[in-house]
Amino acid sequence: MKKKQKTKNISLKKKIAYFIAYLSLFLAIFGMIDYYAYDILNPWFFISVSFISAFFATVLHFKSHSKSQIDVIEKEIEEIL
């Protein structure tokens, strides 16, 4: 028999803070790529890819339960919210 893994409830405020941290990271990265792409691709493509990447990064961060530098950024964003 498998033991049930205890999951702790994570507040919505913390989830939003992680999403904002990852979104700002991906927007900065894809913004630089868009700048050097010389308008070959539409900027909305990079914005939508940033949102999708930030969503998946947030989900994977909560599934992995690992500590990283993004936790420090999240704490600062959570204090602002």
N, C-alpha and C. Protein backbone atom coordinates (compact mmCIF):
# COMPACT_ATOMS: atom_id res chain seq x y z
N MET A 1 0.82 -1.18 0.00
CA MET A 1 0.00 0.00 0.00
C MET A 1 0.86 1.25 0.00
N LYS A 2 0.43 2.22 -0.73
CA LYS A 2 1.15 3.48 -0.76
C LYS A 2 0.65 4.38 0.36
N LYS A 3 1.58 5.05 0.98
CA LYS A 3 1.20 6.01 2.00
C LYS A 3 0.77 7.30 1.32
N LYS A 4 -0.21 7.92 1.91
CA LYS A 4 -0.65 9.21 1.37
C LYS A 4 0.36 10.27 1.75
N GLN A 5 0.76 11.02 0.77
CA GLN A 5 1.73 12.09 1.00
C GLN A 5 0.97 13.32 1.51
N LYS A 6 1.46 13.86 2.60
CA LYS A 6 0.82 15.05 3.15
C LYS A 6 1.18 16.26 2.30
N THR A 7 0.19 17.00 1.93
CA THR A 7 0.42 18.22 1.17
C THR A 7 0.00 19.40 2.03
N LYS A 8 0.86 20.37 2.09
CA LYS A 8 0.49 21.56 2.84
C LYS A 8 -0.13 22.57 1.90
N ASN A 9 -1.10 23.27 2.41
CA ASN A 9 -1.79 24.26 1.60
C ASN A 9 -0.90 25.48 1.42
N ILE A 10 -0.79 25.91 0.20
CA ILE A 10 0.01 27.08 -0.13
C ILE A 10 -0.95 28.21 -0.44
N SER A 11 -0.71 29.35 0.16
CA SER A 11 -1.63 30.47 -0.01
C SER A 11 -1.60 31.01 -1.44
N LEU A 12 -2.69 31.61 -1.82
CA LEU A 12 -2.80 32.21 -3.14
C LEU A 12 -1.80 33.34 -3.31
N LYS A 13 -1.55 34.07 -2.24
CA LYS A 13 -0.59 35.18 -2.27
C LYS A 13 0.81 34.67 -2.61
N LYS A 14 1.19 33.53 -2.05
CA LYS A 14 2.50 32.95 -2.32
C LYS A 14 2.58 32.46 -3.77
N LYS A 15 1.50 31.86 -4.26
CA LYS A 15 1.49 31.39 -5.64
C LYS A 15 1.61 32.54 -6.63
N ILE A 16 0.90 33.63 -6.34
CA ILE A 16 0.96 34.80 -7.21
C ILE A 16 2.37 35.41 -7.18
N ALA A 17 2.99 35.42 -6.00
CA ALA A 17 4.34 35.97 -5.89
C ALA A 17 5.34 35.15 -6.69
N TYR A 18 5.23 33.83 -6.64
CA TYR A 18 6.12 32.98 -7.45
C TYR A 18 5.87 33.22 -8.94
N PHE A 19 4.60 33.32 -9.32
CA PHE A 19 4.28 33.54 -10.73
C PHE A 19 4.85 34.87 -11.22
N ILE A 20 4.73 35.92 -10.41
CA ILE A 20 5.26 37.23 -10.80
C ILE A 20 6.78 37.18 -10.91
N ALA A 21 7.43 36.46 -10.00
CA ALA A 21 8.89 36.35 -10.05
C ALA A 21 9.33 35.64 -11.33
N TYR A 22 8.70 34.52 -11.63
CA TYR A 22 9.05 33.80 -12.85
C TYR A 22 8.67 34.59 -14.10
N LEU A 23 7.54 35.27 -14.08
CA LEU A 23 7.11 36.05 -15.24
C LEU A 23 8.09 37.18 -15.54
N SER A 24 8.54 37.87 -14.51
CA SER A 24 9.50 38.95 -14.74
C SER A 24 10.81 38.41 -15.29
N LEU A 25 11.21 37.24 -14.81
CA LEU A 25 12.43 36.62 -15.33
C LEU A 25 12.29 36.27 -16.81
N PHE A 26 11.20 35.62 -17.16
CA PHE A 26 11.00 35.22 -18.56
C PHE A 26 10.75 36.42 -19.47
N LEU A 27 10.06 37.45 -18.98
CA LEU A 27 9.86 38.65 -19.80
C LEU A 27 11.19 39.33 -20.10
N ALA A 28 12.08 39.35 -19.12
CA ALA A 28 13.39 39.96 -19.34
C ALA A 28 14.19 39.16 -20.37
N ILE A 29 14.18 37.85 -20.23
CA ILE A 29 14.93 37.00 -21.16
C ILE A 29 14.37 37.10 -22.57
N PHE A 30 13.05 36.93 -22.70
CA PHE A 30 12.46 36.98 -24.03
C PHE A 30 12.43 38.40 -24.59
N GLY A 31 12.44 39.40 -23.73
CA GLY A 31 12.56 40.78 -24.20
C GLY A 31 13.90 41.04 -24.87
N MET A 32 14.96 40.48 -24.29
CA MET A 32 16.28 40.63 -24.91
C MET A 32 16.36 39.87 -26.22
N ILE A 33 15.75 38.69 -26.25
CA ILE A 33 15.74 37.92 -27.50
C ILE A 33 14.97 38.68 -28.58
N ASP A 34 13.85 39.28 -28.21
CA ASP A 34 13.05 40.04 -29.16
C ASP A 34 13.81 41.27 -29.65
N TYR A 35 14.56 41.91 -28.77
CA TYR A 35 15.32 43.10 -29.15
C TYR A 35 16.38 42.75 -30.19
N TYR A 36 17.05 41.62 -29.97
CA TYR A 36 18.10 41.23 -30.91
C TYR A 36 17.57 40.48 -32.13
N ALA A 37 16.28 40.15 -32.15
CA ALA A 37 15.70 39.48 -33.30
C ALA A 37 15.32 40.48 -34.39
N TYR A 38 15.41 41.78 -34.08
CA TYR A 38 15.15 42.83 -35.06
C TYR A 38 13.78 42.70 -35.72
N ASP A 39 12.76 42.51 -34.90
CA ASP A 39 11.37 42.46 -35.34
C ASP A 39 11.09 41.37 -36.38
N ILE A 40 11.82 40.28 -36.29
CA ILE A 40 11.52 39.15 -37.17
C ILE A 40 10.23 38.48 -36.71
N LEU A 41 10.07 38.36 -35.39
CA LEU A 41 8.87 37.75 -34.82
C LEU A 41 8.04 38.82 -34.13
N ASN A 42 6.76 38.55 -34.02
CA ASN A 42 5.85 39.46 -33.36
C ASN A 42 6.13 39.48 -31.85
N PRO A 43 6.17 40.65 -31.20
CA PRO A 43 6.42 40.69 -29.75
C PRO A 43 5.36 39.97 -28.92
N TRP A 44 4.13 39.86 -29.44
CA TRP A 44 3.10 39.15 -28.70
C TRP A 44 3.43 37.67 -28.56
N PHE A 45 4.18 37.14 -29.50
CA PHE A 45 4.63 35.76 -29.39
C PHE A 45 5.50 35.58 -28.15
N PHE A 46 6.43 36.50 -27.93
CA PHE A 46 7.32 36.40 -26.78
C PHE A 46 6.58 36.65 -25.46
N ILE A 47 5.59 37.52 -25.49
CA ILE A 47 4.81 37.78 -24.28
C ILE A 47 3.99 36.55 -23.91
N SER A 48 3.36 35.93 -24.89
CA SER A 48 2.56 34.74 -24.60
C SER A 48 3.44 33.56 -24.16
N VAL A 49 4.61 33.41 -24.77
CA VAL A 49 5.53 32.36 -24.36
C VAL A 49 6.02 32.61 -22.93
N SER A 50 6.20 33.87 -22.56
CA SER A 50 6.62 34.21 -21.20
C SER A 50 5.56 33.81 -20.18
N PHE A 51 4.28 34.10 -20.48
CA PHE A 51 3.20 33.71 -19.57
C PHE A 51 3.11 32.19 -19.43
N ILE A 52 3.20 31.49 -20.53
CA ILE A 52 3.12 30.03 -20.49
C ILE A 52 4.31 29.45 -19.73
N SER A 53 5.50 29.96 -19.99
CA SER A 53 6.70 29.47 -19.30
C SER A 53 6.64 29.76 -17.81
N ALA A 54 6.16 30.94 -17.44
CA ALA A 54 6.05 31.29 -16.02
C ALA A 54 5.05 30.38 -15.32
N PHE A 55 3.95 30.06 -15.98
CA PHE A 55 2.96 29.16 -15.38
C PHE A 55 3.56 27.79 -15.13
N PHE A 56 4.22 27.22 -16.15
CA PHE A 56 4.80 25.89 -15.99
C PHE A 56 5.96 25.90 -14.99
N ALA A 57 6.75 26.96 -14.95
CA ALA A 57 7.84 27.04 -13.98
C ALA A 57 7.30 27.10 -12.56
N THR A 58 6.20 27.82 -12.36
CA THR A 58 5.58 27.89 -11.03
C THR A 58 5.05 26.53 -10.61
N VAL A 59 4.37 25.84 -11.50
CA VAL A 59 3.83 24.52 -11.19
C VAL A 59 4.96 23.55 -10.88
N LEU A 60 6.01 23.55 -11.68
CA LEU A 60 7.12 22.64 -11.44
C LEU A 60 7.86 22.97 -10.16
N HIS A 61 7.94 24.24 -9.81
CA HIS A 61 8.60 24.64 -8.56
C HIS A 61 7.84 24.08 -7.36
N PHE A 62 6.52 24.13 -7.38
CA PHE A 62 5.74 23.60 -6.27
C PHE A 62 5.78 22.08 -6.22
N LYS A 63 5.89 21.43 -7.36
CA LYS A 63 5.96 19.97 -7.37
C LYS A 63 7.32 19.47 -6.89
N SER A 64 8.38 20.21 -7.17
CA SER A 64 9.72 19.74 -6.82
C SER A 64 10.09 19.99 -5.36
N HIS A 65 9.44 20.94 -4.72
CA HIS A 65 9.71 21.28 -3.31
C HIS A 65 11.18 21.62 -3.07
N SER A 66 11.82 22.25 -4.02
CA SER A 66 13.23 22.60 -3.87
C SER A 66 13.39 24.07 -3.51
N LYS A 67 14.46 24.36 -2.81
CA LYS A 67 14.78 25.74 -2.45
C LYS A 67 15.77 26.29 -3.47
N SER A 68 15.53 27.52 -3.89
CA SER A 68 16.41 28.14 -4.86
C SER A 68 16.44 29.64 -4.61
N GLN A 69 17.13 30.35 -5.45
CA GLN A 69 17.25 31.80 -5.31
C GLN A 69 15.91 32.49 -5.56
N ILE A 70 15.02 31.86 -6.28
CA ILE A 70 13.72 32.46 -6.57
C ILE A 70 12.89 32.59 -5.29
N ASP A 71 13.20 31.79 -4.27
CA ASP A 71 12.48 31.90 -3.00
C ASP A 71 12.75 33.23 -2.31
N VAL A 72 13.96 33.75 -2.45
CA VAL A 72 14.30 35.05 -1.87
C VAL A 72 13.51 36.16 -2.58
N ILE A 73 13.44 36.07 -3.89
CA ILE A 73 12.69 37.05 -4.67
C ILE A 73 11.21 36.96 -4.33
N GLU A 74 10.72 35.74 -4.17
CA GLU A 74 9.31 35.55 -3.84
C GLU A 74 8.95 36.17 -2.51
N LYS A 75 9.83 36.04 -1.51
CA LYS A 75 9.56 36.63 -0.20
C LYS A 75 9.42 38.15 -0.30
N GLU A 76 10.28 38.78 -1.10
CA GLU A 76 10.21 40.23 -1.27
C GLU A 76 8.93 40.64 -1.99
N ILE A 77 8.53 39.89 -3.00
CA ILE A 77 7.29 40.20 -3.72
C ILE A 77 6.09 39.98 -2.82
N GLU A 78 6.13 38.92 -2.01
CA GLU A 78 5.02 38.63 -1.10
C GLU A 78 4.85 39.75 -0.07
N GLU A 79 5.94 40.35 0.37
CA GLU A 79 5.85 41.47 1.30
C GLU A 79 5.20 42.69 0.65
N ILE A 80 5.46 42.88 -0.63
CA ILE A 80 4.88 44.00 -1.37
C ILE A 80 3.37 43.79 -1.53
N LEU A 81 2.98 42.53 -1.84
CA LEU A 81 1.56 42.25 -2.05
C LEU A 81 0.83 42.33 -0.74
